[in-house]
Amino acid sequence: MATEVELKLYCSPDAISRVETHPLITAGVETGPAKHLENTYYDTPDLALHQERIALRLRTTPTEQLQTVKCAAKSVAGLSSRPEWETPYTGAFDFSAVDARKARAFLEEQQASLVPVFTTAFERRTWRIDISKKIAILVMVDTGQVSSGDRSLPISEVELELAQGNPEDLLDFATALATHLPLVPHDASKAERGYQLFLNQVSGPQKASPSPLGAKQNSAEAFQFLASQGMQMWQANLLGTLTSPDQEFVHQFRVSLRRLNSLIKVFKPALPGHYQTQWTKRVKALSQITGDVRDLDVMRSGIVEPMLQSDDPQISWHAKAALAALDEAKREAVAQLAELQYGGTVLLFARDLQDLGTDDFPKSLPRFAEKQLAGLHRNAVKRLTKTLKAPTPERAHRFRIALKHLRYSCEFFAPLFDNDEMVEYAKAIAGLQDAFGFINDFHVALSRLQDWVAQAAITQETRDAVAAWHTPQAQAMLANALHLAESVMSRCQPWCTECERRGLSEIRRRMQHDIKLQVE
């Protein structure tokens, strides 16, 4: 059995040729002429191998046929490590070389039912990069397609494989390469994409997963678990933002960055100062790249398009004028997304996470979580108080940001307390965010419209027409949102253990059930 340590990087088909001429690649030695590889993947009709996360491949080259069995891989930032068994194919599958007993028994049990399910055909060029006497990396550039029936998808990727050294060395090399080339890490293997094609499935935007924390973890382990989870969401939606027309990828990409920002904020007392400062800036910069695209989509659906329903032709005319300017701004904003093609930042995040110093992390995770949540709650109450004194859009926006940090942190730490109560509280905060959302969207839209007036893209009359149309709604929503905020922020906080210490939690739980008078 061999353990394959590799890292996959997506590259758009029109940019893949740049990889082959980059100095980091030309410093190595090409191992031979380009190879044309044809692979057929086998499974049972009910995809039993796929369900067990086992891939069976038959590879045909000009000189031989090879049978390869691969088992499930753990992947972080595209870096994966998986067991594999490769043997010559002599006309029939032979699993005797698979020394994982359960996997071999399962394959032999399914052998009579195996059928081809999809194929891959691609050209591969390979370089060996000897970085030092102890570090060597194979770089494979693959271009071709994966096919199932009459459906196909392009293959355009760079695969890095560790020939000698440590996984960290592979990550360092990938980071350097993706800083200067449009390469984005991705976890989906060719086999996974083939199965999606066979099943006629499309990868959708990845939303946040439930918190993986447990009370037995210390705070350093908690941060690393949550940061890895956030990085996977970031990475998956980054690739979708670059390759899919579905704008929900952009939204979930921004959510992943906001969650990472909140994670870094809530763990600030424990994190090394340079780590906290650098990654707060980097995450903010990444978020700003997609900010215009997302803001313009919201402005279209929530601010401008509703005005088209007006019976007043003047209102409809101003809405169409605003939409024309919006379309032009959207084209420019989409062009900015090209900056995201350079995926070195997500790889650097993975590397920095591995090297993170944990000496200053407190040992007791529940106590740390309770203290930090209490602080975030106090800050939100402070922002609410200021908003009530002077209800401006700017102050309402700062309160909404405070709510986001509190909500995400509740979700992070939910398993450490009463999980159901924490999740419900986080949902209440999310509802409060939404209540303030339109006010912020309206304020951002007016600011953008005023910029377009200065650029002569629209008239002042169009900007004023939008403002007049939505101001009554915004004022009413602000009043309702502030009343809701007072109610939500005065609720008992589910992370507070004071109630538990005083026995009040048990009283509340009993009060939720029917209580009958007991008469003897």
Protein backbone atom coordinates (compact mmCIF):
# COMPACT_ATOMS: atom_id res chain seq x y z
CA MET A 1 0.00 0.00 0.00
CA ALA A 2 1.16 3.51 -0.81
CA THR A 3 -0.06 6.64 0.90
CA GLU A 4 -0.50 9.40 -1.63
CA VAL A 5 -0.06 12.96 -0.37
CA GLU A 6 -1.28 15.37 -2.99
CA LEU A 7 -2.79 18.79 -3.49
CA LYS A 8 -5.16 19.75 -6.30
CA LEU A 9 -5.38 23.22 -7.80
CA TYR A 10 -8.02 24.35 -10.27
CA CYS A 11 -6.92 26.54 -13.18
CA SER A 12 -9.19 27.93 -15.88
CA PRO A 13 -8.59 26.31 -19.30
CA ASP A 14 -7.51 29.61 -20.85
CA ALA A 15 -4.78 30.12 -18.22
CA ILE A 16 -3.41 26.61 -17.72
CA SER A 17 -0.59 27.11 -20.25
CA ARG A 18 0.92 29.78 -17.97
CA VAL A 19 1.73 27.13 -15.38
CA GLU A 20 4.14 25.29 -17.67
CA THR A 21 6.30 28.38 -18.23
CA HIS A 22 6.43 29.62 -14.63
CA PRO A 23 9.97 29.77 -13.15
CA LEU A 24 8.99 27.52 -10.22
CA ILE A 25 8.10 24.83 -12.77
CA THR A 26 10.88 25.36 -15.31
CA ALA A 27 13.38 25.10 -12.45
CA GLY A 28 12.48 21.40 -12.36
CA VAL A 29 12.91 18.61 -14.89
CA GLU A 30 10.11 17.33 -17.10
CA THR A 31 10.01 13.56 -16.57
CA GLY A 32 9.21 12.71 -20.18
CA PRO A 33 6.85 13.52 -23.03
CA ALA A 34 3.19 14.29 -22.35
CA LYS A 35 1.07 11.20 -21.68
CA HIS A 36 -2.48 10.59 -22.82
CA LEU A 37 -4.31 8.81 -20.01
CA GLU A 38 -7.67 7.10 -20.37
CA ASN A 39 -9.41 5.89 -17.23
CA THR A 40 -12.61 3.99 -16.66
CA TYR A 41 -14.14 3.99 -13.19
CA TYR A 42 -16.15 0.98 -12.05
CA ASP A 43 -18.89 0.55 -9.49
CA THR A 44 -22.01 -1.50 -8.90
CA PRO A 45 -25.33 -0.36 -10.42
CA ASP A 46 -26.38 0.97 -7.01
CA LEU A 47 -22.97 2.66 -6.50
CA ALA A 48 -21.98 0.56 -3.50
CA LEU A 49 -18.30 1.55 -3.82
CA HIS A 50 -19.16 5.23 -3.94
CA GLN A 51 -21.23 4.88 -0.77
CA GLU A 52 -18.19 3.36 0.96
CA ARG A 53 -15.97 6.14 -0.46
CA ILE A 54 -13.87 3.68 -2.47
CA ALA A 55 -12.78 4.42 -6.06
CA LEU A 56 -11.85 1.68 -8.51
CA ARG A 57 -10.06 2.81 -11.66
CA LEU A 58 -8.74 1.03 -14.73
CA ARG A 59 -6.08 3.16 -16.45
CA THR A 60 -4.99 2.55 -20.02
CA THR A 61 -1.68 3.91 -21.32
CA PRO A 62 0.11 3.18 -24.61
CA THR A 63 2.16 0.47 -22.88
CA GLU A 64 0.05 -1.05 -20.09
CA GLN A 65 -3.17 -1.24 -18.11
CA LEU A 66 -3.22 -0.51 -14.37
CA GLN A 67 -5.82 -1.23 -11.72
CA THR A 68 -6.00 1.31 -8.89
CA VAL A 69 -8.03 1.23 -5.70
CA LYS A 70 -8.27 4.43 -3.65
CA CYS A 71 -9.98 4.93 -0.31
CA ALA A 72 -11.42 8.05 1.26
CA ALA A 73 -9.07 10.99 1.77
CA LYS A 74 -8.95 13.67 4.40
CA SER A 75 -8.58 17.00 2.64
CA VAL A 76 -7.74 20.48 3.89
CA ALA A 77 -7.17 23.40 1.48
CA GLY A 78 -6.91 20.86 -1.36
CA LEU A 79 -4.19 18.90 0.48
CA SER A 80 -5.21 15.26 0.82
CA SER A 81 -3.68 12.02 2.02
CA ARG A 82 -5.22 8.73 0.95
CA PRO A 83 -4.25 5.06 0.80
CA GLU A 84 -4.05 3.54 -2.67
CA TRP A 85 -3.14 0.23 -4.25
CA GLU A 86 -1.95 0.10 -7.88
CA THR A 87 -1.27 -3.18 -9.68
CA PRO A 88 -1.07 -4.39 -13.30
CA TYR A 89 -4.42 -5.36 -14.83
CA THR A 90 -4.37 -8.77 -16.53
CA GLY A 91 -7.91 -9.03 -17.85
CA ALA A 92 -9.80 -9.36 -14.56
CA PHE A 93 -9.89 -7.39 -11.32
CA ASP A 94 -7.61 -8.76 -8.62
CA PHE A 95 -7.85 -7.27 -5.12
CA SER A 96 -5.32 -9.50 -3.39
CA ALA A 97 -2.84 -6.61 -3.10
CA VAL A 98 -5.32 -4.53 -1.06
CA ASP A 99 -3.96 -5.08 2.44
CA ALA A 100 -6.84 -3.27 4.17
CA ARG A 101 -8.83 -6.36 5.13
CA LYS A 102 -12.31 -4.80 5.23
CA ALA A 103 -11.82 -2.92 1.95
CA ARG A 104 -10.52 -6.07 0.19
CA ALA A 105 -13.41 -8.20 1.47
CA PHE A 106 -15.93 -5.59 0.37
CA LEU A 107 -14.42 -5.29 -3.14
CA GLU A 108 -14.34 -9.07 -3.60
CA GLU A 109 -17.96 -9.27 -2.48
CA GLN A 110 -19.00 -6.69 -5.09
CA GLN A 111 -16.71 -7.87 -7.89
CA ALA A 112 -19.32 -9.78 -9.91
CA SER A 113 -21.56 -6.68 -10.05
CA LEU A 114 -18.97 -4.15 -11.22
CA VAL A 115 -19.82 -2.07 -14.30
CA PRO A 116 -18.25 1.06 -15.88
CA VAL A 117 -19.91 4.29 -14.71
CA PHE A 118 -17.78 7.10 -16.18
CA THR A 119 -14.47 7.82 -17.88
CA THR A 120 -11.74 10.42 -17.81
CA ALA A 121 -9.43 11.20 -20.70
CA PHE A 122 -6.70 13.78 -20.35
CA GLU A 123 -3.19 14.77 -21.30
CA ARG A 124 -0.67 14.89 -18.46
CA ARG A 125 2.68 16.64 -18.34
CA THR A 126 4.85 15.95 -15.31
CA TRP A 127 7.79 17.79 -13.76
CA ARG A 128 9.92 16.79 -10.80
CA ILE A 129 10.93 19.74 -8.63
CA ASP A 130 13.88 19.04 -6.31
CA ILE A 131 13.64 21.88 -3.84
CA SER A 132 16.42 20.50 -1.65
CA LYS A 133 18.09 17.18 -0.89
CA LYS A 134 15.17 16.30 1.38
CA ILE A 135 12.25 17.85 -0.51
CA ALA A 136 10.97 16.79 -3.94
CA ILE A 137 7.58 17.47 -5.52
CA LEU A 138 5.92 16.12 -8.66
CA VAL A 139 3.89 18.68 -10.61
CA MET A 140 1.29 17.27 -12.99
CA VAL A 141 -0.69 19.47 -15.36
CA ASP A 142 -3.86 17.73 -16.55
CA THR A 143 -6.13 18.91 -19.39
CA GLY A 144 -9.02 16.92 -20.84
CA GLN A 145 -12.50 15.89 -19.80
CA VAL A 146 -14.55 13.58 -17.61
CA SER A 147 -17.50 11.92 -19.37
CA SER A 148 -20.58 9.90 -18.48
CA GLY A 149 -23.01 9.04 -21.25
CA ASP A 150 -23.55 12.14 -23.35
CA ARG A 151 -22.50 14.52 -20.55
CA SER A 152 -18.98 15.86 -19.99
CA LEU A 153 -17.02 18.36 -17.93
CA PRO A 154 -13.58 19.85 -18.61
CA ILE A 155 -10.51 18.81 -16.66
CA SER A 156 -8.11 21.70 -16.12
CA GLU A 157 -6.02 21.31 -13.01
CA VAL A 158 -2.58 21.13 -11.47
CA GLU A 159 -1.88 18.22 -9.17
CA LEU A 160 1.05 18.41 -6.78
CA GLU A 161 2.30 15.16 -5.27
CA LEU A 162 4.82 14.80 -2.49
CA ALA A 163 7.72 12.64 -3.70
CA GLN A 164 9.96 13.39 -0.72
CA GLY A 165 9.52 15.55 2.37
CA ASN A 166 6.64 16.55 4.63
CA PRO A 167 3.07 17.65 3.81
CA GLU A 168 3.98 21.17 5.00
CA ASP A 169 6.59 21.34 2.21
CA LEU A 170 3.90 20.62 -0.37
CA LEU A 171 1.69 23.32 1.11
CA ASP A 172 4.55 25.86 1.04
CA PHE A 173 5.26 25.14 -2.63
CA ALA A 174 1.57 25.35 -3.54
CA THR A 175 1.25 28.68 -1.72
CA ALA A 176 4.16 30.14 -3.67
CA LEU A 177 2.75 28.85 -6.96
CA ALA A 178 -0.82 30.07 -6.31
CA THR A 179 0.39 33.51 -5.25
CA HIS A 180 1.71 34.18 -8.76
CA LEU A 181 -0.63 32.05 -10.89
CA PRO A 182 -4.45 31.81 -11.12
CA LEU A 183 -4.68 28.57 -9.14
CA VAL A 184 -7.39 27.75 -6.58
CA PRO A 185 -7.25 24.73 -4.24
CA HIS A 186 -10.13 22.30 -4.51
CA ASP A 187 -10.96 19.03 -2.79
CA ALA A 188 -13.06 17.30 -5.46
CA SER A 189 -11.15 14.51 -7.19
CA LYS A 190 -11.73 13.52 -10.80
CA ALA A 191 -13.65 10.52 -9.45
CA GLU A 192 -15.96 12.72 -7.36
CA ARG A 193 -16.67 14.91 -10.37
CA GLY A 194 -17.33 11.81 -12.45
CA TYR A 195 -19.89 10.55 -9.96
CA GLN A 196 -21.60 13.95 -9.94
CA LEU A 197 -21.78 13.79 -13.72
CA PHE A 198 -23.13 10.21 -13.66
CA LEU A 199 -25.79 11.24 -11.13
CA ASN A 200 -26.46 14.47 -13.05
CA GLN A 201 -25.73 16.48 -9.92
CA VAL A 202 -24.33 20.01 -9.66
CA SER A 203 -22.27 21.20 -6.72
CA GLY A 204 -24.15 23.95 -4.95
CA PRO A 205 -23.00 26.70 -2.60
CA GLN A 206 -21.70 25.39 0.71
CA LYS A 207 -23.37 26.77 3.81
CA ALA A 208 -21.98 26.71 7.32
CA SER A 209 -21.98 23.33 9.03
CA PRO A 210 -22.95 22.79 12.68
CA SER A 211 -20.19 23.46 15.17
CA PRO A 212 -17.93 20.41 15.75
CA LEU A 213 -16.94 21.43 19.28
CA GLY A 214 -17.12 19.29 22.40
CA ALA A 215 -16.72 20.16 26.06
CA LYS A 216 -13.56 18.03 26.34
CA GLN A 217 -11.65 20.13 23.82
CA ASN A 218 -9.38 22.91 24.96
CA SER A 219 -9.66 26.38 23.47
CA ALA A 220 -6.69 25.93 21.10
CA GLU A 221 -8.22 22.79 19.61
CA ALA A 222 -11.56 24.58 19.35
CA PHE A 223 -10.08 27.43 17.33
CA GLN A 224 -8.27 25.06 14.98
CA PHE A 225 -11.39 22.94 14.41
CA LEU A 226 -13.57 25.99 13.74
CA ALA A 227 -10.94 27.68 11.56
CA SER A 228 -10.52 24.52 9.44
CA GLN A 229 -14.27 24.25 9.05
CA GLY A 230 -14.49 27.90 8.01
CA MET A 231 -11.62 27.48 5.56
CA GLN A 232 -13.39 24.59 3.82
CA MET A 233 -16.50 26.74 3.38
CA TRP A 234 -14.35 29.60 2.09
CA GLN A 235 -12.52 27.33 -0.37
CA ALA A 236 -15.65 25.61 -1.75
CA ASN A 237 -17.50 28.87 -2.37
CA LEU A 238 -14.41 30.54 -3.81
CA LEU A 239 -14.26 27.96 -6.59
CA GLY A 240 -18.01 28.33 -7.19
CA THR A 241 -17.69 32.12 -7.32
CA LEU A 242 -15.12 31.77 -10.10
CA THR A 243 -16.78 29.00 -12.13
CA SER A 244 -20.55 29.14 -11.58
CA PRO A 245 -23.17 31.73 -12.64
CA ASP A 246 -25.06 31.03 -9.39
CA GLN A 247 -24.73 34.26 -7.38
CA GLU A 248 -25.44 32.39 -4.15
CA PHE A 249 -21.79 31.26 -4.30
CA VAL A 250 -20.76 34.92 -3.93
CA HIS A 251 -23.10 35.31 -0.96
CA GLN A 252 -21.87 32.19 0.82
CA PHE A 253 -18.26 33.14 0.04
CA ARG A 254 -18.84 36.42 1.84
CA VAL A 255 -20.60 34.61 4.71
CA SER A 256 -17.59 32.30 5.09
CA LEU A 257 -15.29 35.32 5.39
CA ARG A 258 -17.60 37.06 7.87
CA ARG A 259 -17.66 33.93 9.99
CA LEU A 260 -13.85 33.71 9.93
CA ASN A 261 -13.64 37.37 10.87
CA SER A 262 -15.98 36.76 13.83
CA LEU A 263 -13.97 33.68 14.84
CA ILE A 264 -10.75 35.67 14.88
CA LYS A 265 -12.48 38.43 16.85
CA VAL A 266 -13.93 36.16 19.54
CA PHE A 267 -10.57 34.37 19.98
CA LYS A 268 -8.57 37.61 19.90
CA PRO A 269 -7.43 37.42 23.58
CA ALA A 270 -5.86 34.01 22.92
CA LEU A 271 -4.38 34.52 19.45
CA PRO A 272 -0.85 35.83 18.82
CA GLY A 273 -1.07 39.53 18.02
CA HIS A 274 0.52 39.31 14.58
CA TYR A 275 -1.78 36.45 13.55
CA GLN A 276 -4.92 38.29 14.63
CA THR A 277 -3.86 41.56 12.96
CA GLN A 278 -2.72 40.04 9.66
CA TRP A 279 -5.68 37.77 9.14
CA THR A 280 -8.24 40.40 10.11
CA LYS A 281 -6.79 42.59 7.34
CA ARG A 282 -6.55 39.76 4.78
CA VAL A 283 -10.08 38.52 5.37
CA LYS A 284 -11.43 42.07 5.10
CA ALA A 285 -9.55 42.66 1.83
CA LEU A 286 -10.94 39.45 0.32
CA SER A 287 -14.45 40.38 1.37
CA GLN A 288 -14.16 43.79 -0.26
CA ILE A 289 -13.38 42.20 -3.65
CA THR A 290 -16.83 40.60 -3.76
CA GLY A 291 -18.57 43.42 -1.89
CA ASP A 292 -19.65 45.38 -4.95
CA VAL A 293 -21.07 42.33 -6.73
CA ARG A 294 -23.17 41.31 -3.74
CA ASP A 295 -24.28 44.88 -2.90
CA LEU A 296 -25.38 45.48 -6.49
CA ASP A 297 -27.39 42.25 -6.58
CA VAL A 298 -29.17 43.26 -3.36
CA MET A 299 -29.71 46.78 -4.65
CA ARG A 300 -31.31 45.43 -7.83
CA SER A 301 -33.71 42.99 -6.15
CA GLY A 302 -34.52 44.94 -3.00
CA ILE A 303 -34.35 48.61 -3.96
CA VAL A 304 -34.67 49.29 -7.69
CA GLU A 305 -36.76 46.49 -9.24
CA PRO A 306 -39.71 46.93 -6.81
CA MET A 307 -40.14 50.47 -8.18
CA LEU A 308 -40.93 49.00 -11.60
CA GLN A 309 -44.27 47.87 -10.17
CA SER A 310 -45.38 51.48 -9.65
CA ASP A 311 -48.36 52.79 -11.63
CA ASP A 312 -46.59 56.14 -11.86
CA PRO A 313 -44.68 56.21 -15.20
CA GLN A 314 -42.18 58.70 -13.77
CA ILE A 315 -41.22 56.30 -10.98
CA SER A 316 -40.84 53.47 -13.49
CA TRP A 317 -38.66 55.69 -15.71
CA HIS A 318 -36.33 56.56 -12.82
CA ALA A 319 -36.09 52.88 -11.86
CA LYS A 320 -35.05 51.97 -15.43
CA ALA A 321 -32.44 54.73 -15.40
CA ALA A 322 -31.03 53.41 -12.13
CA LEU A 323 -30.98 49.85 -13.52
CA ALA A 324 -28.98 50.95 -16.56
CA ALA A 325 -26.32 52.48 -14.29
CA LEU A 326 -26.46 49.41 -12.07
CA ASP A 327 -25.82 47.05 -15.00
CA GLU A 328 -22.72 48.99 -15.99
CA ALA A 329 -21.43 48.98 -12.41
CA LYS A 330 -22.10 45.23 -12.18
CA ARG A 331 -19.93 44.54 -15.24
CA GLU A 332 -17.05 46.40 -13.61
CA ALA A 333 -17.61 44.63 -10.28
CA VAL A 334 -17.61 41.17 -11.89
CA ALA A 335 -14.29 41.99 -13.56
CA GLN A 336 -12.81 42.58 -10.09
CA LEU A 337 -13.51 38.94 -9.18
CA ALA A 338 -10.54 37.95 -11.35
CA GLU A 339 -8.35 38.89 -8.38
CA LEU A 340 -9.76 35.87 -6.53
CA GLN A 341 -8.21 33.48 -9.09
CA TYR A 342 -4.97 33.65 -7.15
CA GLY A 343 -5.67 31.17 -4.36
CA GLY A 344 -2.48 31.63 -2.39
CA THR A 345 -4.33 33.29 0.50
CA VAL A 346 -6.41 30.24 1.43
CA LEU A 347 -3.30 28.04 1.26
CA LEU A 348 -1.42 30.52 3.44
CA PHE A 349 -4.26 30.42 5.94
CA ALA A 350 -3.95 26.62 6.12
CA ARG A 351 -0.19 26.89 6.61
CA ASP A 352 -0.43 29.58 9.29
CA LEU A 353 -3.02 27.50 11.09
CA GLN A 354 -0.55 24.62 11.26
CA ASP A 355 2.14 26.89 12.73
CA LEU A 356 -0.17 28.73 15.12
CA GLY A 357 1.29 29.20 18.58
CA THR A 358 -1.13 28.08 21.29
CA ASP A 359 0.73 28.98 24.49
CA ASP A 360 -1.67 31.82 25.38
CA PHE A 361 -4.88 29.87 24.85
CA PRO A 362 -6.82 29.32 28.11
CA LYS A 363 -7.34 25.70 29.13
CA SER A 364 -11.04 25.91 30.02
CA LEU A 365 -13.02 26.28 26.81
CA PRO A 366 -16.50 26.70 28.42
CA ARG A 367 -15.30 29.50 30.72
CA PHE A 368 -13.53 31.23 27.85
CA ALA A 369 -16.64 30.92 25.66
CA GLU A 370 -18.95 32.28 28.37
CA LYS A 371 -16.70 35.28 28.98
CA GLN A 372 -16.36 36.12 25.28
CA LEU A 373 -20.07 35.73 24.55
CA ALA A 374 -20.91 37.99 27.48
CA GLY A 375 -18.53 40.62 26.11
CA LEU A 376 -20.05 40.44 22.63
CA HIS A 377 -23.51 40.77 24.13
CA ARG A 378 -22.47 43.86 26.12
CA ASN A 379 -21.05 45.42 22.97
CA ALA A 380 -24.29 44.75 21.06
CA VAL A 381 -26.34 46.33 23.88
CA LYS A 382 -24.00 49.33 23.83
CA ARG A 383 -24.49 49.72 20.07
CA LEU A 384 -28.25 49.40 20.47
CA THR A 385 -28.27 52.12 23.14
CA LYS A 386 -26.38 54.49 20.84
CA THR A 387 -28.77 53.71 17.97
CA LEU A 388 -31.78 54.46 20.16
CA LYS A 389 -30.30 57.83 21.16
CA ALA A 390 -29.58 58.81 17.54
CA PRO A 391 -31.17 56.35 15.06
CA THR A 392 -28.96 56.99 12.03
CA PRO A 393 -28.26 54.38 9.32
CA GLU A 394 -24.59 54.37 10.32
CA ARG A 395 -25.35 53.54 13.95
CA ALA A 396 -27.91 50.93 12.94
CA HIS A 397 -25.25 49.35 10.73
CA ARG A 398 -22.71 49.21 13.58
CA PHE A 399 -25.35 47.53 15.76
CA ARG A 400 -26.01 45.00 12.99
CA ILE A 401 -22.29 44.20 12.77
CA ALA A 402 -22.20 43.63 16.54
CA LEU A 403 -25.16 41.28 16.12
CA LYS A 404 -23.31 39.29 13.45
CA HIS A 405 -20.33 38.69 15.73
CA LEU A 406 -22.66 37.62 18.54
CA ARG A 407 -24.73 35.34 16.31
CA TYR A 408 -21.78 33.53 14.73
CA SER A 409 -20.08 33.11 18.09
CA CYS A 410 -23.29 31.60 19.52
CA GLU A 411 -23.21 29.11 16.67
CA PHE A 412 -19.52 28.37 17.26
CA PHE A 413 -19.96 27.63 20.96
CA ALA A 414 -23.49 26.13 20.91
CA PRO A 415 -22.43 22.51 21.78
CA LEU A 416 -20.73 23.74 24.97
CA PHE A 417 -24.02 24.85 26.51
CA ASP A 418 -27.64 23.87 25.87
CA ASN A 419 -27.28 23.38 22.12
CA ASP A 420 -30.98 23.84 21.30
CA GLU A 421 -31.26 27.04 23.33
CA MET A 422 -28.07 28.43 21.79
CA VAL A 423 -29.26 27.67 18.26
CA GLU A 424 -32.65 29.25 18.93
CA TYR A 425 -30.98 32.33 20.39
CA ALA A 426 -28.71 32.56 17.32
CA LYS A 427 -31.82 32.34 15.09
CA ALA A 428 -33.42 35.19 17.03
CA ILE A 429 -30.28 37.28 16.49
CA ALA A 430 -30.31 36.37 12.79
CA GLY A 431 -33.93 37.54 12.57
CA LEU A 432 -32.90 40.79 14.19
CA GLN A 433 -30.09 41.16 11.64
CA ASP A 434 -32.62 40.73 8.83
CA ALA A 435 -34.89 43.35 10.38
CA PHE A 436 -32.05 45.87 10.18
CA GLY A 437 -30.87 44.55 6.81
CA PHE A 438 -33.14 46.63 4.59
CA ILE A 439 -32.14 49.82 6.38
CA ASN A 440 -28.49 49.15 5.60
CA ASP A 441 -29.26 48.10 2.01
CA PHE A 442 -31.20 51.34 1.50
CA HIS A 443 -28.40 53.45 2.97
CA VAL A 444 -25.75 51.74 0.79
CA ALA A 445 -27.94 52.16 -2.29
CA LEU A 446 -28.40 55.90 -1.69
CA SER A 447 -24.67 56.35 -1.27
CA ARG A 448 -24.01 54.49 -4.51
CA LEU A 449 -26.71 56.45 -6.35
CA GLN A 450 -25.12 59.70 -5.22
CA ASP A 451 -21.79 58.51 -6.65
CA TRP A 452 -23.52 57.81 -9.96
CA VAL A 453 -24.95 61.34 -9.90
CA ALA A 454 -21.41 62.70 -9.54
CA GLN A 455 -20.33 60.49 -12.47
CA ALA A 456 -23.29 61.73 -14.56
CA ALA A 457 -24.56 58.13 -14.86
CA ILE A 458 -27.96 59.21 -13.48
CA THR A 459 -29.62 62.50 -12.59
CA GLN A 460 -30.15 63.89 -9.11
CA GLU A 461 -33.88 63.53 -9.76
CA THR A 462 -33.48 59.74 -10.16
CA ARG A 463 -31.56 59.47 -6.92
CA ASP A 464 -34.18 61.55 -5.09
CA ALA A 465 -37.02 59.50 -6.59
CA VAL A 466 -35.49 56.29 -5.18
CA ALA A 467 -35.01 57.96 -1.79
CA ALA A 468 -38.61 59.25 -1.70
CA TRP A 469 -40.05 55.89 -2.73
CA HIS A 470 -38.34 53.88 0.03
CA THR A 471 -37.95 56.36 2.92
CA PRO A 472 -41.38 55.72 4.51
CA GLN A 473 -40.75 51.97 4.44
CA ALA A 474 -37.25 52.39 5.89
CA GLN A 475 -38.52 54.57 8.72
CA ALA A 476 -41.28 52.10 9.62
CA MET A 477 -38.88 49.16 9.48
CA LEU A 478 -36.38 50.97 11.70
CA ALA A 479 -39.03 51.60 14.35
CA ASN A 480 -40.15 47.96 14.26
CA ALA A 481 -36.55 46.70 14.29
CA LEU A 482 -35.66 48.78 17.34
CA HIS A 483 -38.66 47.44 19.27
CA LEU A 484 -37.67 43.89 18.29
CA ALA A 485 -34.08 44.59 19.31
CA GLU A 486 -35.12 45.68 22.78
CA SER A 487 -37.06 42.45 23.20
CA VAL A 488 -34.33 40.13 21.91
CA MET A 489 -31.42 41.78 23.70
CA SER A 490 -33.23 41.63 27.07
CA ARG A 491 -33.74 37.86 26.84
CA CYS A 492 -31.88 35.51 29.16
CA GLN A 493 -28.57 34.56 27.56
CA PRO A 494 -28.30 30.76 27.15
CA TRP A 495 -24.53 30.72 27.72
CA CYS A 496 -24.86 32.36 31.14
CA THR A 497 -24.24 29.73 33.85
CA GLU A 498 -25.44 32.01 36.65
CA CYS A 499 -29.00 30.73 36.16
CA GLU A 500 -27.73 27.16 36.32
CA ARG A 501 -25.85 27.86 39.53
CA ARG A 502 -28.99 29.35 41.11
CA GLY A 503 -31.26 26.52 39.95
CA LEU A 504 -33.32 28.77 37.67
CA SER A 505 -32.67 26.75 34.52
CA GLU A 506 -34.38 23.68 35.97
CA ILE A 507 -37.34 25.82 37.05
CA ARG A 508 -37.69 27.20 33.50
CA ARG A 509 -37.54 23.72 32.00
CA ARG A 510 -40.29 22.47 34.33
CA MET A 511 -42.44 25.52 33.56
CA GLN A 512 -42.45 24.51 29.88
CA HIS A 513 -44.44 21.35 30.73
CA ASP A 514 -48.02 21.02 31.94
CA ILE A 515 -48.20 21.42 35.70
CA LYS A 516 -51.07 19.79 37.58
CA LEU A 517 -52.00 20.37 41.16
CA GLN A 518 -51.29 17.27 43.21
CA VAL A 519 -53.95 16.69 45.83
CA GLU A 520 -53.54 13.84 48.33
